[in-house]
């Protein structure tokens, strides 16, 4: 059975350097590379392994080249992180890339993630939404994605027909304001299986588009599927799509999703 492991991230940087928070400048839109002075009020360029903090009014941030990131924190809504051709967000440590979003905020990751995994989670007692895009299918890696209770990961049509192996998903809880820990609000089903899915708690999955996984480990918990045409599709066991059981059930209560 697949196990979930969390390893604290300690970036590989020069011995004299200490990873710290770096705050994106208030203008919102700009280039994220290794030389542009777009951090800490325009006083500094990006330092490998730091935590990128996005605040202010939101905007479009375009990654150029490979930027090594310790963590991503979004304290404002309406940020979209894009990537130029061949650019990506990397994580040089052996742990997860932690992504947090403040209460009531939504951040969109449109950049390739070349990391050992990603942990999407609520920001303290705050709860926000991370939204992927179809471009993420280019490189999500093959490691686990953990969605902690109180957070929501929106696949947003990501990975439809992806040609590469996709990571495992570990959603927990019912998500932001009960909208689902794992949702797919995009125009496409995720019709290329994620490697598998397991959960450490009861979990709510919502549509309106289908979510496909290779293997489902519920570990004694209940997985509720609501508002998803054709439901949750699981390759192992080899049923073509989800079939109702005592543990996997379709959500029918008012207000679900």
Protein backbone atom coordinates (compact mmCIF):
# COMPACT_ATOMS: atom_id res chain seq x y z
CA UNK A 1 0.00 0.00 0.00
CA UNK A 2 1.29 3.43 -0.87
CA UNK A 3 2.37 5.55 2.09
CA UNK A 4 2.26 9.32 2.41
CA UNK A 5 5.51 10.82 3.62
CA UNK A 6 6.17 14.47 4.37
CA UNK A 7 9.76 15.63 4.51
CA UNK A 8 10.57 19.15 5.63
CA UNK A 9 12.12 21.19 2.84
CA UNK A 10 15.63 22.47 3.31
CA UNK A 11 16.76 24.05 0.07
CA UNK A 12 20.23 23.37 -1.29
CA UNK A 13 21.81 26.80 -1.22
CA UNK A 14 25.22 28.20 -0.43
CA UNK A 15 26.36 27.57 3.12
CA UNK A 16 26.29 31.29 3.92
CA UNK A 17 22.71 31.72 2.67
CA UNK A 18 19.59 31.19 4.74
CA UNK A 19 16.20 30.63 3.08
CA UNK A 20 13.78 33.46 3.86
CA UNK A 21 10.48 35.01 2.76
CA UNK A 22 10.66 37.16 -0.36
CA UNK A 23 7.63 39.36 -1.10
CA UNK A 24 6.60 40.09 -4.68
CA UNK A 25 6.47 43.80 -5.43
CA UNK A 26 3.10 45.55 -5.19
CA UNK A 27 2.67 46.34 -8.90
CA UNK A 28 1.39 42.80 -9.41
CA UNK A 29 2.40 41.93 -12.96
CA UNK A 30 6.00 41.21 -13.93
CA UNK A 31 8.83 38.77 -14.72
CA UNK A 32 10.09 36.20 -12.24
CA UNK A 33 13.64 35.20 -13.12
CA UNK A 34 17.02 35.25 -11.40
CA UNK A 35 17.93 38.88 -12.09
CA UNK A 36 14.84 41.13 -12.10
CA UNK A 37 14.55 43.29 -8.96
CA UNK A 38 10.91 42.37 -8.37
CA UNK A 39 11.13 41.30 -4.74
CA UNK A 40 11.02 43.07 -1.38
CA UNK A 41 9.90 46.43 -2.74
CA UNK A 42 12.22 46.23 -5.74
CA UNK A 43 15.29 45.90 -3.54
CA UNK A 44 16.34 42.39 -4.50
CA UNK A 45 16.34 39.69 -7.15
CA UNK A 46 15.16 36.15 -6.51
CA UNK A 47 17.23 34.00 -4.12
CA UNK A 48 17.07 30.23 -4.71
CA UNK A 49 15.19 28.33 -2.05
CA UNK A 50 13.28 31.30 -0.61
CA UNK A 51 9.52 31.31 0.04
CA UNK A 52 7.71 33.41 -2.58
CA UNK A 53 5.02 35.56 -0.92
CA UNK A 54 2.42 37.21 -3.15
CA UNK A 55 0.33 40.02 -1.69
CA UNK A 56 -1.12 43.34 -2.88
CA UNK A 57 -3.64 43.49 -5.73
CA UNK A 58 -2.80 40.37 -7.75
CA UNK A 59 -1.55 40.14 -11.32
CA UNK A 60 0.20 37.95 -13.89
CA UNK A 61 3.64 36.67 -12.89
CA UNK A 62 5.66 35.11 -15.71
CA UNK A 63 8.42 32.66 -14.82
CA UNK A 64 11.47 32.78 -17.11
CA UNK A 65 14.01 29.99 -16.84
CA UNK A 66 14.01 27.63 -13.85
CA UNK A 67 13.37 29.24 -10.46
CA UNK A 68 14.16 27.21 -7.35
CA UNK A 69 11.42 27.77 -4.76
CA UNK A 70 11.12 26.63 -1.15
CA UNK A 71 7.38 27.40 -0.90
CA UNK A 72 4.60 29.52 -2.41
CA UNK A 73 2.30 31.71 -0.29
CA UNK A 74 -0.60 33.69 -1.77
CA UNK A 75 -2.05 36.32 0.56
CA UNK A 76 -4.05 38.00 -2.22
CA UNK A 77 -6.39 36.76 -4.92
CA UNK A 78 -6.20 37.01 -8.70
CA UNK A 79 -2.60 35.95 -9.07
CA UNK A 80 -1.79 33.86 -12.15
CA UNK A 81 1.67 32.31 -12.36
CA UNK A 82 2.55 31.66 -16.01
CA UNK A 83 5.73 30.30 -17.55
CA UNK A 84 7.65 31.25 -20.66
CA UNK A 85 8.57 28.43 -23.05
CA UNK A 86 10.77 25.92 -21.25
CA UNK A 87 10.45 27.70 -17.91
CA UNK A 88 9.39 25.99 -14.69
CA UNK A 89 9.16 26.15 -10.91
CA UNK A 90 11.63 23.75 -9.35
CA UNK A 91 12.29 22.56 -5.83
CA UNK A 92 15.85 21.46 -5.10
CA UNK A 93 15.12 19.89 -1.74
CA UNK A 94 13.88 16.34 -1.24
CA UNK A 95 10.55 17.35 0.28
CA UNK A 96 7.31 18.85 -0.91
CA UNK A 97 6.68 22.27 -2.38
CA UNK A 98 4.25 23.80 0.12
CA UNK A 99 1.58 26.01 -1.44
CA UNK A 100 -0.71 28.08 0.80
CA UNK A 101 -3.56 30.44 -0.06
CA UNK A 102 -5.22 32.88 2.34
CA UNK A 103 -8.93 32.77 3.19
CA UNK A 104 -11.27 33.73 0.37
CA UNK A 105 -8.45 33.90 -2.18
CA UNK A 106 -7.76 31.91 -5.34
CA UNK A 107 -4.38 31.50 -7.04
CA UNK A 108 -3.83 29.96 -10.48
CA UNK A 109 -0.70 27.95 -11.29
CA UNK A 110 -0.17 27.90 -15.04
CA UNK A 111 3.52 27.04 -14.80
CA UNK A 112 5.14 23.63 -15.03
CA UNK A 113 5.98 22.18 -11.62
CA UNK A 114 9.21 20.19 -11.68
CA UNK A 115 9.30 19.22 -8.04
CA UNK A 116 9.39 16.15 -5.82
CA UNK A 117 5.74 16.76 -4.96
CA UNK A 118 3.37 19.45 -3.81
CA UNK A 119 1.41 19.95 -0.63
CA UNK A 120 -1.57 22.26 -1.00
CA UNK A 121 -2.90 23.29 2.34
CA UNK A 122 -4.82 25.91 4.26
CA UNK A 123 -2.97 28.91 5.61
CA UNK A 124 -3.34 28.53 9.35
CA UNK A 125 -7.07 28.83 9.95
CA UNK A 126 -7.46 30.53 6.58
CA UNK A 127 -8.69 28.60 3.57
CA UNK A 128 -8.05 29.31 -0.09
CA UNK A 129 -8.14 27.65 -3.50
CA UNK A 130 -5.30 26.58 -5.80
CA UNK A 131 -6.33 26.23 -9.42
CA UNK A 132 -4.28 24.35 -12.00
CA UNK A 133 -4.61 24.78 -15.78
CA UNK A 134 -4.20 22.49 -18.79
CA UNK A 135 -0.60 23.70 -19.18
CA UNK A 136 0.31 22.02 -15.88
CA UNK A 137 -0.03 18.68 -17.66
CA UNK A 138 3.32 19.32 -19.33
CA UNK A 139 5.12 18.57 -16.10
CA UNK A 140 3.37 17.82 -12.86
CA UNK A 141 5.98 15.22 -12.00
CA UNK A 142 5.12 11.78 -10.63
CA UNK A 143 5.23 12.44 -6.87
CA UNK A 144 2.33 12.88 -4.48
CA UNK A 145 -0.01 15.87 -4.28
CA UNK A 146 -1.39 16.29 -0.75
CA UNK A 147 -4.48 18.43 -0.17
CA UNK A 148 -4.87 18.99 3.55
CA UNK A 149 -8.25 19.34 5.23
CA UNK A 150 -9.71 22.80 4.67
CA UNK A 151 -7.95 23.42 1.35
CA UNK A 152 -9.24 22.94 -2.21
CA UNK A 153 -7.27 21.91 -5.30
CA UNK A 154 -9.12 22.64 -8.56
CA UNK A 155 -7.78 20.48 -11.40
CA UNK A 156 -9.59 22.84 -13.80
CA UNK A 157 -9.40 20.48 -16.77
CA UNK A 158 -5.73 19.80 -16.12
CA UNK A 159 -4.15 16.74 -17.69
CA UNK A 160 -6.84 15.81 -20.22
CA UNK A 161 -5.07 13.36 -22.51
CA UNK A 162 -1.70 13.88 -20.83
CA UNK A 163 1.00 11.67 -22.33
CA UNK A 164 3.19 11.44 -19.25
CA UNK A 165 2.75 9.70 -15.91
CA UNK A 166 0.75 11.72 -13.41
CA UNK A 167 1.15 11.97 -9.63
CA UNK A 168 -0.87 10.43 -6.83
CA UNK A 169 -3.56 12.54 -5.16
CA UNK A 170 -4.18 12.62 -1.40
CA UNK A 171 -7.25 14.80 -0.72
CA UNK A 172 -8.67 15.21 2.78
CA UNK A 173 -11.79 16.87 4.16
CA UNK A 174 -14.52 18.80 2.37
CA UNK A 175 -12.51 21.75 1.09
CA UNK A 176 -13.14 25.49 1.21
CA UNK A 177 -16.66 26.14 2.51
CA UNK A 178 -17.63 22.57 1.61
CA UNK A 179 -16.90 22.93 -2.10
CA UNK A 180 -14.77 19.77 -2.14
CA UNK A 181 -11.15 19.02 -1.32
CA UNK A 182 -10.55 18.02 -4.93
CA UNK A 183 -12.67 19.52 -7.72
CA UNK A 184 -12.59 19.78 -11.48
CA UNK A 185 -14.31 22.93 -12.76
CA UNK A 186 -12.58 22.93 -16.16
CA UNK A 187 -14.07 22.16 -19.55
CA UNK A 188 -12.41 18.73 -19.80
CA UNK A 189 -12.48 15.50 -17.83
CA UNK A 190 -9.12 14.40 -16.43
CA UNK A 191 -9.30 11.47 -18.81
CA UNK A 192 -5.69 10.44 -18.30
CA UNK A 193 -5.46 8.64 -14.97
CA UNK A 194 -3.64 10.14 -12.05
CA UNK A 195 -1.48 7.41 -10.53
CA UNK A 196 -3.90 6.84 -7.69
CA UNK A 197 -5.70 8.39 -4.77
CA UNK A 198 -5.69 7.74 -1.04
CA UNK A 199 -7.05 9.68 1.91
CA UNK A 200 -6.37 9.98 5.64
CA UNK A 201 -9.92 11.21 6.34
CA UNK A 202 -13.41 11.27 4.86
CA UNK A 203 -13.25 13.32 1.68
CA UNK A 204 -15.58 15.17 -0.70
CA UNK A 205 -14.86 15.27 -4.46
CA UNK A 206 -16.84 17.56 -6.74
CA UNK A 207 -17.26 18.27 -10.46
CA UNK A 208 -18.72 19.28 -12.67
CA UNK A 209 -16.12 17.32 -14.68
CA UNK A 210 -14.93 13.76 -14.11
CA UNK A 211 -11.78 12.86 -12.18
CA UNK A 212 -9.88 9.70 -13.16
CA UNK A 213 -7.43 7.84 -10.92
CA UNK A 214 -5.51 4.63 -11.41
CA UNK A 215 -6.03 3.15 -7.95
CA UNK A 216 -8.21 4.12 -4.99
CA UNK A 217 -7.17 3.48 -1.37
CA UNK A 218 -9.80 4.76 1.07
CA UNK A 219 -8.00 3.43 4.16
CA UNK A 220 -11.28 2.90 5.99
CA UNK A 221 -12.69 6.33 5.13
CA UNK A 222 -15.66 7.49 3.04
CA UNK A 223 -15.16 9.13 -0.34
CA UNK A 224 -18.22 11.16 -1.39
CA UNK A 225 -18.55 12.00 -5.08
CA UNK A 226 -20.94 14.83 -5.89
CA UNK A 227 -21.93 16.72 -9.03
CA UNK A 228 -19.57 14.79 -11.34
CA UNK A 229 -21.03 13.37 -14.58
CA UNK A 230 -19.87 9.77 -15.02
CA UNK A 231 -18.58 10.00 -11.45
CA UNK A 232 -15.11 9.06 -10.24
CA UNK A 233 -13.38 6.62 -12.57
CA UNK A 234 -10.97 4.09 -11.11
CA UNK A 235 -8.79 1.85 -13.27
CA UNK A 236 -8.01 -0.57 -10.40
CA UNK A 237 -10.24 -2.40 -9.65
CA UNK A 238 -11.13 -2.53 -13.32
CA UNK A 239 -14.64 -1.10 -13.14
CA UNK A 240 -14.96 1.54 -15.89
CA UNK A 241 -16.34 4.15 -13.50
CA UNK A 242 -17.24 4.48 -9.84
CA UNK A 243 -19.90 2.12 -8.50
CA UNK A 244 -21.74 3.01 -5.28
CA UNK A 245 -20.69 1.09 -2.18
CA UNK A 246 -21.01 1.72 1.55
CA UNK A 247 -17.70 3.61 1.50
CA UNK A 248 -17.79 5.31 -1.89
CA UNK A 249 -21.08 7.08 -2.35
CA UNK A 250 -22.67 9.75 -4.42
CA UNK A 251 -23.42 12.99 -2.58
CA UNK A 252 -27.12 13.80 -2.51
CA UNK A 253 -27.51 16.12 0.46
CA UNK A 254 -28.64 19.70 -0.15
CA UNK A 255 -25.74 22.09 -0.44
CA UNK A 256 -23.09 19.51 -1.28
CA UNK A 257 -20.84 21.08 -3.91
